[in-house]
Amino acid sequence: MKAFKNLIKFFIFTIVLFGGINLFLEYRFKSKLKLPEKTYKWKHGDISYSKSGSGIPILLIHDLLHGQSSDSLSDLQDELEKNYTVYNIDLIGCGVSERPPIIYTNYLYVQLINDFIKDVIKESCVVVSLKTSAAVAMMASCLEEGNFKKLILVEPDYKKEIGVKNISRLRDILRKAIFIPVYGTFAYNMYCLLMGLPFAKDGKYFLASKIAGFLNTTTTKTVSELAVDTSCIDDYESMYHLAEEVKDLI
């Protein structure tokens, strides 16, 4: 009985400790981010985004790697807003957008992108997608061609072909573990903090999102088969250089 009480005390202590650390990290991450000022009330949760500039609408979609957010594209937004209307979105589960305890799949992000264009931008737009988010942008353009004036993929991970990718048993266990209240969030925050430090832009930390990052890919379309006009940017020296390349492709 005494051992059981000690175990209960241990769990309570760790919950309070890890919960406090999570709150501290979230506060620290948010204080270092360029926070979006607008909110889109989506069916699966509140989506944060920023809008600036005037002209042809451009939607920026950040990388889907751990801890990424619209802040990673803020410099690109600053350059493009001089000539265009720029929407910079925090995908669900990322940045300061809502992080509901649901299964995160590519199709969830496909729905978000198309719904955001229809409900917020309300017209066909140029979509600039960075690295791993290229997959969902390509899928979204295949399903809703009318939403896309042009699709620009920046250093896409899936330049040739996107095939079906099954989730292994180990990854499925890890995905479920990450959703354990407090403990899962703490583990994910620590992972993002440790993995993100060497790659943080200008010494910034990115807000850790409560998603596992093991996404199913469910289309076999190649870039050349896409219905919308698609361009790829394989590498760039700076955000200014990237902005100039994007302008040339629009």
C-alpha atoms as a PDB file:
ATOM      1  CA  MET A   1       0.000   0.000   0.000  1.00  0.00           C
ATOM      2  CA  LYS A   2       2.845   2.350   0.867  1.00  0.00           C
ATOM      3  CA  ALA A   3       4.539   1.585  -2.446  1.00  0.00           C
ATOM      4  CA  PHE A   4       1.303   2.377  -4.296  1.00  0.00           C
ATOM      5  CA  LYS A   5       0.989   5.734  -2.501  1.00  0.00           C
ATOM      6  CA  ASN A   6       4.609   6.553  -3.333  1.00  0.00           C
ATOM      7  CA  LEU A   7       3.918   5.691  -6.962  1.00  0.00           C
ATOM      8  CA  ILE A   8       0.906   8.023  -7.003  1.00  0.00           C
ATOM      9  CA  LYS A   9       3.026  10.786  -5.459  1.00  0.00           C
ATOM     10  CA  PHE A  10       5.715  10.191  -8.080  1.00  0.00           C
ATOM     11  CA  PHE A  11       3.209  10.492 -10.938  1.00  0.00           C
ATOM     12  CA  ILE A  12       1.712  13.676  -9.452  1.00  0.00           C
ATOM     13  CA  PHE A  13       5.200  15.144  -9.011  1.00  0.00           C
ATOM     14  CA  THR A  14       6.232  14.350 -12.597  1.00  0.00           C
ATOM     15  CA  ILE A  15       2.968  15.715 -14.000  1.00  0.00           C
ATOM     16  CA  VAL A  16       3.451  19.002 -12.138  1.00  0.00           C
ATOM     17  CA  LEU A  17       7.154  19.155 -13.076  1.00  0.00           C
ATOM     18  CA  PHE A  18       6.745  18.302 -16.754  1.00  0.00           C
ATOM     19  CA  GLY A  19       3.619  20.445 -17.039  1.00  0.00           C
ATOM     20  CA  GLY A  20       5.518  23.412 -15.626  1.00  0.00           C
ATOM     21  CA  ILE A  21       8.416  22.853 -18.026  1.00  0.00           C
ATOM     22  CA  ASN A  22       5.988  22.614 -20.955  1.00  0.00           C
ATOM     23  CA  LEU A  23       4.400  25.941 -20.018  1.00  0.00           C
ATOM     24  CA  PHE A  24       7.816  27.570 -19.646  1.00  0.00           C
ATOM     25  CA  LEU A  25       9.028  26.252 -23.023  1.00  0.00           C
ATOM     26  CA  GLU A  26       5.840  27.327 -24.766  1.00  0.00           C
ATOM     27  CA  TYR A  27       6.145  30.811 -23.290  1.00  0.00           C
ATOM     28  CA  ARG A  28       9.815  31.007 -24.294  1.00  0.00           C
ATOM     29  CA  PHE A  29       9.168  29.749 -27.819  1.00  0.00           C
ATOM     30  CA  LYS A  30       6.249  32.137 -28.354  1.00  0.00           C
ATOM     31  CA  SER A  31       8.245  35.099 -27.069  1.00  0.00           C
ATOM     32  CA  LYS A  32      10.851  34.471 -29.784  1.00  0.00           C
ATOM     33  CA  LEU A  33       8.438  33.959 -32.671  1.00  0.00           C
ATOM     34  CA  LYS A  34       7.016  36.537 -35.031  1.00  0.00           C
ATOM     35  CA  LEU A  35       3.416  35.731 -34.139  1.00  0.00           C
ATOM     36  CA  PRO A  36       0.631  35.747 -36.755  1.00  0.00           C
ATOM     37  CA  GLU A  37      -2.031  38.329 -35.928  1.00  0.00           C
ATOM     38  CA  LYS A  38      -5.063  36.738 -37.603  1.00  0.00           C
ATOM     39  CA  THR A  39      -7.124  33.606 -36.878  1.00  0.00           C
ATOM     40  CA  TYR A  40      -9.054  31.347 -39.231  1.00  0.00           C
ATOM     41  CA  LYS A  41     -11.814  29.390 -37.461  1.00  0.00           C
ATOM     42  CA  TRP A  42     -11.361  26.051 -39.175  1.00  0.00           C
ATOM     43  CA  LYS A  43     -13.529  22.977 -38.512  1.00  0.00           C
ATOM     44  CA  HIS A  44     -10.649  21.125 -36.801  1.00  0.00           C
ATOM     45  CA  GLY A  45      -9.247  24.059 -34.811  1.00  0.00           C
ATOM     46  CA  ASP A  46      -8.139  27.698 -34.883  1.00  0.00           C
ATOM     47  CA  ILE A  47      -5.498  28.434 -37.506  1.00  0.00           C
ATOM     48  CA  SER A  48      -3.135  31.381 -37.059  1.00  0.00           C
ATOM     49  CA  TYR A  49      -1.911  33.325 -40.055  1.00  0.00           C
ATOM     50  CA  SER A  50      -0.643  36.728 -41.102  1.00  0.00           C
ATOM     51  CA  LYS A  51      -1.580  38.842 -44.104  1.00  0.00           C
ATOM     52  CA  SER A  52       0.433  41.711 -45.550  1.00  0.00           C
ATOM     53  CA  GLY A  53       1.040  43.636 -48.755  1.00  0.00           C
ATOM     54  CA  SER A  54      -1.205  44.077 -51.794  1.00  0.00           C
ATOM     55  CA  GLY A  55      -1.449  42.564 -55.266  1.00  0.00           C
ATOM     56  CA  ILE A  56      -1.655  38.974 -56.511  1.00  0.00           C
ATOM     57  CA  PRO A  57      -2.302  36.672 -53.490  1.00  0.00           C
ATOM     58  CA  ILE A  58       0.485  34.313 -52.432  1.00  0.00           C
ATOM     59  CA  LEU A  59       0.120  31.593 -49.784  1.00  0.00           C
ATOM     60  CA  LEU A  60       3.320  30.542 -47.988  1.00  0.00           C
ATOM     61  CA  ILE A  61       3.365  27.023 -46.517  1.00  0.00           C
ATOM     62  CA  HIS A  62       6.203  26.208 -44.136  1.00  0.00           C
ATOM     63  CA  ASP A  63       8.134  22.944 -43.854  1.00  0.00           C
ATOM     64  CA  LEU A  64       6.434  20.117 -41.935  1.00  0.00           C
ATOM     65  CA  LEU A  65       9.516  19.044 -40.018  1.00  0.00           C
ATOM     66  CA  HIS A  66       9.384  19.086 -36.212  1.00  0.00           C
ATOM     67  CA  GLY A  67       8.918  22.498 -34.657  1.00  0.00           C
ATOM     68  CA  GLN A  68       8.487  24.513 -37.860  1.00  0.00           C
ATOM     69  CA  SER A  69       6.073  27.427 -38.230  1.00  0.00           C
ATOM     70  CA  SER A  70       5.271  30.472 -40.358  1.00  0.00           C
ATOM     71  CA  ASP A  71       8.090  32.279 -38.545  1.00  0.00           C
ATOM     72  CA  SER A  72      10.602  30.363 -40.683  1.00  0.00           C
ATOM     73  CA  LEU A  73       9.184  32.175 -43.744  1.00  0.00           C
ATOM     74  CA  SER A  74       8.773  35.620 -42.174  1.00  0.00           C
ATOM     75  CA  ASP A  75      11.802  37.012 -44.034  1.00  0.00           C
ATOM     76  CA  LEU A  76      10.422  35.711 -47.335  1.00  0.00           C
ATOM     77  CA  GLN A  77       7.079  37.323 -46.468  1.00  0.00           C
ATOM     78  CA  ASP A  78       8.820  40.650 -45.805  1.00  0.00           C
ATOM     79  CA  GLU A  79      10.365  40.568 -49.274  1.00  0.00           C
ATOM     80  CA  LEU A  80       7.257  39.435 -51.189  1.00  0.00           C
ATOM     81  CA  GLU A  81       4.791  41.790 -49.482  1.00  0.00           C
ATOM     82  CA  LYS A  82       6.389  44.695 -51.345  1.00  0.00           C
ATOM     83  CA  ASN A  83       4.716  43.469 -54.546  1.00  0.00           C
ATOM     84  CA  TYR A  84       2.046  40.946 -53.532  1.00  0.00           C
ATOM     85  CA  THR A  85      -0.604  40.124 -50.945  1.00  0.00           C
ATOM     86  CA  VAL A  86       1.109  37.486 -48.802  1.00  0.00           C
ATOM     87  CA  TYR A  87      -0.629  34.975 -46.511  1.00  0.00           C
ATOM     88  CA  ASN A  88       1.747  33.158 -44.151  1.00  0.00           C
ATOM     89  CA  ILE A  89       0.035  30.286 -42.334  1.00  0.00           C
ATOM     90  CA  ASP A  90       0.798  28.167 -39.266  1.00  0.00           C
ATOM     91  CA  LEU A  91      -0.439  24.720 -40.287  1.00  0.00           C
ATOM     92  CA  ILE A  92      -2.601  22.934 -37.722  1.00  0.00           C
ATOM     93  CA  GLY A  93      -0.432  21.435 -34.982  1.00  0.00           C
ATOM     94  CA  CYS A  94       2.361  23.921 -35.738  1.00  0.00           C
ATOM     95  CA  GLY A  95       3.386  27.355 -34.507  1.00  0.00           C
ATOM     96  CA  VAL A  96       0.597  28.986 -32.534  1.00  0.00           C
ATOM     97  CA  SER A  97      -2.246  27.279 -34.388  1.00  0.00           C
ATOM     98  CA  GLU A  98      -4.404  24.915 -32.373  1.00  0.00           C
ATOM     99  CA  ARG A  99      -2.963  21.474 -31.646  1.00  0.00           C
ATOM    100  CA  PRO A 100      -5.958  19.153 -31.221  1.00  0.00           C
ATOM    101  CA  PRO A 101      -5.364  15.515 -30.142  1.00  0.00           C
ATOM    102  CA  ILE A 102      -6.221  14.009 -33.524  1.00  0.00           C
ATOM    103  CA  ILE A 103      -4.422  11.873 -36.074  1.00  0.00           C
ATOM    104  CA  TYR A 104      -2.348  14.125 -38.358  1.00  0.00           C
ATOM    105  CA  THR A 105      -2.287  12.866 -41.947  1.00  0.00           C
ATOM    106  CA  ASN A 106      -1.386  14.433 -45.249  1.00  0.00           C
ATOM    107  CA  TYR A 107      -5.066  14.621 -46.170  1.00  0.00           C
ATOM    108  CA  LEU A 108      -5.779  16.726 -43.063  1.00  0.00           C
ATOM    109  CA  TYR A 109      -3.322  19.338 -44.334  1.00  0.00           C
ATOM    110  CA  VAL A 110      -4.707  19.032 -47.868  1.00  0.00           C
ATOM    111  CA  GLN A 111      -8.161  19.912 -46.529  1.00  0.00           C
ATOM    112  CA  LEU A 112      -6.749  22.823 -44.530  1.00  0.00           C
ATOM    113  CA  ILE A 113      -4.917  24.325 -47.517  1.00  0.00           C
ATOM    114  CA  ASN A 114      -7.928  24.124 -49.830  1.00  0.00           C
ATOM    115  CA  ASP A 115     -10.385  25.344 -47.184  1.00  0.00           C
ATOM    116  CA  PHE A 116      -8.069  28.237 -46.282  1.00  0.00           C
ATOM    117  CA  ILE A 117      -7.828  29.334 -49.926  1.00  0.00           C
ATOM    118  CA  LYS A 118     -11.616  29.122 -50.393  1.00  0.00           C
ATOM    119  CA  ASP A 119     -12.641  30.686 -47.071  1.00  0.00           C
ATOM    120  CA  VAL A 120      -9.884  33.245 -46.415  1.00  0.00           C
ATOM    121  CA  ILE A 121      -8.129  34.131 -49.684  1.00  0.00           C
ATOM    122  CA  LYS A 122     -11.342  33.561 -51.708  1.00  0.00           C
ATOM    123  CA  GLU A 123      -9.616  33.410 -55.075  1.00  0.00           C
ATOM    124  CA  SER A 124      -7.060  31.423 -57.014  1.00  0.00           C
ATOM    125  CA  CYS A 125      -3.586  32.122 -55.657  1.00  0.00           C
ATOM    126  CA  VAL A 126       0.099  31.324 -56.035  1.00  0.00           C
ATOM    127  CA  VAL A 127       1.158  28.707 -53.459  1.00  0.00           C
ATOM    128  CA  VAL A 128       4.777  28.539 -52.296  1.00  0.00           C
ATOM    129  CA  SER A 129       5.486  25.300 -50.435  1.00  0.00           C
ATOM    130  CA  LEU A 130       8.723  24.543 -48.588  1.00  0.00           C
ATOM    131  CA  LYS A 131      10.436  21.145 -48.496  1.00  0.00           C
ATOM    132  CA  THR A 132       8.286  18.391 -46.879  1.00  0.00           C
ATOM    133  CA  SER A 133       5.041  20.327 -47.283  1.00  0.00           C
ATOM    134  CA  ALA A 134       5.458  19.910 -51.059  1.00  0.00           C
ATOM    135  CA  ALA A 135       3.602  16.597 -50.808  1.00  0.00           C
ATOM    136  CA  VAL A 136       0.443  18.105 -49.322  1.00  0.00           C
ATOM    137  CA  ALA A 137       0.540  21.112 -51.651  1.00  0.00           C
ATOM    138  CA  MET A 138       0.759  18.805 -54.655  1.00  0.00           C
ATOM    139  CA  MET A 139      -2.126  16.675 -53.371  1.00  0.00           C
ATOM    140  CA  ALA A 140      -4.213  19.794 -52.684  1.00  0.00           C
ATOM    141  CA  SER A 141      -3.640  21.087 -56.220  1.00  0.00           C
ATOM    142  CA  CYS A 142      -4.690  17.737 -57.692  1.00  0.00           C
ATOM    143  CA  LEU A 143      -7.994  17.817 -55.787  1.00  0.00           C
ATOM    144  CA  GLU A 144      -8.836  21.529 -56.167  1.00  0.00           C
ATOM    145  CA  GLU A 145      -7.132  22.798 -59.321  1.00  0.00           C
ATOM    146  CA  GLY A 146      -9.182  26.014 -59.268  1.00  0.00           C
ATOM    147  CA  ASN A 147      -7.569  27.133 -55.995  1.00  0.00           C
ATOM    148  CA  PHE A 148      -4.104  27.251 -57.536  1.00  0.00           C
ATOM    149  CA  LYS A 149      -2.901  29.890 -59.961  1.00  0.00           C
ATOM    150  CA  LYS A 150       0.586  28.431 -59.730  1.00  0.00           C
ATOM    151  CA  LEU A 151       2.433  26.030 -57.412  1.00  0.00           C
ATOM    152  CA  ILE A 152       6.057  26.735 -56.512  1.00  0.00           C
ATOM    153  CA  LEU A 153       7.904  23.973 -54.641  1.00  0.00           C
ATOM    154  CA  VAL A 154      11.012  25.097 -52.755  1.00  0.00           C
ATOM    155  CA  GLU A 155      13.576  22.307 -52.216  1.00  0.00           C
ATOM    156  CA  PRO A 156      10.805  19.689 -52.374  1.00  0.00           C
ATOM    157  CA  ASP A 157      11.536  16.313 -50.802  1.00  0.00           C
ATOM    158  CA  TYR A 158       9.296  14.626 -53.380  1.00  0.00           C
ATOM    159  CA  LYS A 159      10.524  16.110 -56.661  1.00  0.00           C
ATOM    160  CA  LYS A 160      10.139  12.929 -58.717  1.00  0.00           C
ATOM    161  CA  GLU A 161       7.313  10.810 -57.420  1.00  0.00           C
ATOM    162  CA  ILE A 162       5.204  10.470 -54.304  1.00  0.00           C
ATOM    163  CA  GLY A 163       4.284   6.904 -53.445  1.00  0.00           C
ATOM    164  CA  VAL A 164       2.423   5.155 -50.661  1.00  0.00           C
ATOM    165  CA  LYS A 165       4.332   5.060 -47.396  1.00  0.00           C
ATOM    166  CA  ASN A 166       3.178   2.734 -44.637  1.00  0.00           C
ATOM    167  CA  ILE A 167       3.653   3.534 -40.949  1.00  0.00           C
ATOM    168  CA  SER A 168       5.739   0.873 -39.182  1.00  0.00           C
ATOM    169  CA  ARG A 169       4.683  -0.705 -35.890  1.00  0.00           C
ATOM    170  CA  LEU A 170       7.419   1.153 -34.003  1.00  0.00           C
ATOM    171  CA  ARG A 171       6.406   4.500 -35.467  1.00  0.00           C
ATOM    172  CA  ASP A 172       2.776   3.753 -34.666  1.00  0.00           C
ATOM    173  CA  ILE A 173       3.735   3.153 -31.011  1.00  0.00           C
ATOM    174  CA  LEU A 174       5.767   6.367 -30.956  1.00  0.00           C
ATOM    175  CA  ARG A 175       2.885   8.278 -32.541  1.00  0.00           C
ATOM    176  CA  LYS A 176       0.503   7.031 -29.838  1.00  0.00           C
ATOM    177  CA  ALA A 177       3.005   7.748 -27.065  1.00  0.00           C
ATOM    178  CA  ILE A 178       3.406  11.356 -28.158  1.00  0.00           C
ATOM    179  CA  PHE A 179      -0.305  11.964 -27.445  1.00  0.00           C
ATOM    180  CA  ILE A 180      -0.044  11.003 -23.764  1.00  0.00           C
ATOM    181  CA  PRO A 181      -1.069  14.160 -21.873  1.00  0.00           C
ATOM    182  CA  VAL A 182       1.820  16.123 -20.330  1.00  0.00           C
ATOM    183  CA  TYR A 183       4.415  13.343 -20.784  1.00  0.00           C
ATOM    184  CA  GLY A 184       4.065  13.146 -24.564  1.00  0.00           C
ATOM    185  CA  THR A 185       4.120  16.913 -24.890  1.00  0.00           C
ATOM    186  CA  PHE A 186       7.230  17.082 -22.707  1.00  0.00           C
ATOM    187  CA  ALA A 187       9.016  14.399 -24.754  1.00  0.00           C
ATOM    188  CA  TYR A 188       8.125  16.146 -28.006  1.00  0.00           C
ATOM    189  CA  ASN A 189       9.151  19.560 -26.691  1.00  0.00           C
ATOM    190  CA  MET A 190      12.522  18.159 -25.612  1.00  0.00           C
ATOM    191  CA  TYR A 191      13.009  16.497 -28.986  1.00  0.00           C
ATOM    192  CA  CYS A 192      12.232  19.720 -30.852  1.00  0.00           C
ATOM    193  CA  LEU A 193      14.441  21.733 -28.539  1.00  0.00           C
ATOM    194  CA  LEU A 194      17.427  19.409 -28.876  1.00  0.00           C
ATOM    195  CA  MET A 195      17.030  18.752 -32.609  1.00  0.00           C
ATOM    196  CA  GLY A 196      16.144  22.337 -33.501  1.00  0.00           C
ATOM    197  CA  LEU A 197      18.961  24.160 -31.763  1.00  0.00           C
ATOM    198  CA  PRO A 198      21.682  23.663 -34.408  1.00  0.00           C
ATOM    199  CA  PHE A 199      19.302  24.695 -37.184  1.00  0.00           C
ATOM    200  CA  ALA A 200      17.438  27.578 -35.517  1.00  0.00           C
ATOM    201  CA  LYS A 201      17.195  30.673 -37.721  1.00  0.00           C
ATOM    202  CA  ASP A 202      19.028  33.617 -36.125  1.00  0.00           C
ATOM    203  CA  GLY A 203      19.171  31.757 -32.824  1.00  0.00           C
ATOM    204  CA  LYS A 204      15.387  31.466 -32.602  1.00  0.00           C
ATOM    205  CA  TYR A 205      13.550  28.525 -31.107  1.00  0.00           C
ATOM    206  CA  PHE A 206      10.414  27.300 -32.849  1.00  0.00           C
ATOM    207  CA  LEU A 207       7.255  26.474 -30.948  1.00  0.00           C
ATOM    208  CA  ALA A 208       7.051  22.700 -30.541  1.00  0.00           C
ATOM    209  CA  SER A 209       3.856  21.307 -32.013  1.00  0.00           C
ATOM    210  CA  LYS A 210       2.156  18.246 -30.581  1.00  0.00           C
ATOM    211  CA  ILE A 211       2.264  16.125 -33.729  1.00  0.00           C
ATOM    212  CA  ALA A 212       4.175  12.924 -34.379  1.00  0.00           C
ATOM    213  CA  GLY A 213       5.227  13.842 -37.916  1.00  0.00           C
ATOM    214  CA  PHE A 214       4.703  10.355 -39.318  1.00  0.00           C
ATOM    215  CA  LEU A 215       2.480  11.184 -42.272  1.00  0.00           C
ATOM    216  CA  ASN A 216       0.920   8.894 -44.864  1.00  0.00           C
ATOM    217  CA  THR A 217       1.526   9.861 -48.477  1.00  0.00           C
ATOM    218  CA  THR A 218      -1.428   8.874 -50.619  1.00  0.00           C
ATOM    219  CA  THR A 219      -0.855  10.083 -54.173  1.00  0.00           C
ATOM    220  CA  THR A 220       1.331   8.802 -57.003  1.00  0.00           C
ATOM    221  CA  LYS A 221       1.168  11.991 -59.082  1.00  0.00           C
ATOM    222  CA  THR A 222       4.478  13.295 -60.380  1.00  0.00           C
ATOM    223  CA  VAL A 223       5.281  16.985 -60.710  1.00  0.00           C
ATOM    224  CA  SER A 224       4.939  16.794 -64.492  1.00  0.00           C
ATOM    225  CA  GLU A 225       1.446  15.282 -64.163  1.00  0.00           C
ATOM    226  CA  LEU A 226       0.032  18.083 -62.024  1.00  0.00           C
ATOM    227  CA  ALA A 227      -2.864  20.031 -63.500  1.00  0.00           C
ATOM    228  CA  VAL A 228      -1.541  23.391 -62.280  1.00  0.00           C
ATOM    229  CA  ASP A 229       1.566  25.134 -63.531  1.00  0.00           C
ATOM    230  CA  THR A 230       4.354  23.899 -61.251  1.00  0.00           C
ATOM    231  CA  SER A 231       7.887  25.153 -60.748  1.00  0.00           C
ATOM    232  CA  CYS A 232      10.684  23.896 -58.499  1.00  0.00           C
ATOM    233  CA  ILE A 233      13.430  25.848 -56.757  1.00  0.00           C
ATOM    234  CA  ASP A 234      16.171  23.420 -55.788  1.00  0.00           C
ATOM    235  CA  ASP A 235      18.330  25.652 -53.652  1.00  0.00           C
ATOM    236  CA  TYR A 236      18.852  29.279 -52.660  1.00  0.00           C
ATOM    237  CA  GLU A 237      21.456  31.352 -50.859  1.00  0.00           C
ATOM    238  CA  SER A 238      19.145  33.518 -48.754  1.00  0.00           C
ATOM    239  CA  MET A 239      15.513  34.465 -48.269  1.00  0.00           C
ATOM    240  CA  TYR A 240      16.150  37.535 -50.423  1.00  0.00           C
ATOM    241  CA  HIS A 241      17.506  35.301 -53.187  1.00  0.00           C
ATOM    242  CA  LEU A 242      14.521  32.981 -52.755  1.00  0.00           C
ATOM    243  CA  ALA A 243      12.099  35.918 -52.982  1.00  0.00           C
ATOM    244  CA  GLU A 244      13.704  37.026 -56.248  1.00  0.00           C
ATOM    245  CA  GLU A 245      13.400  33.492 -57.657  1.00  0.00           C
ATOM    246  CA  VAL A 246       9.728  33.299 -56.626  1.00  0.00           C
ATOM    247  CA  LYS A 247       9.015  36.649 -58.286  1.00  0.00           C
ATOM    248  CA  ASP A 248      10.612  35.408 -61.506  1.00  0.00           C
ATOM    249  CA  LEU A 249       8.366  32.332 -61.502  1.00  0.00           C
ATOM    250  CA  ILE A 250       5.051  34.119 -60.876  1.00  0.00           C
END
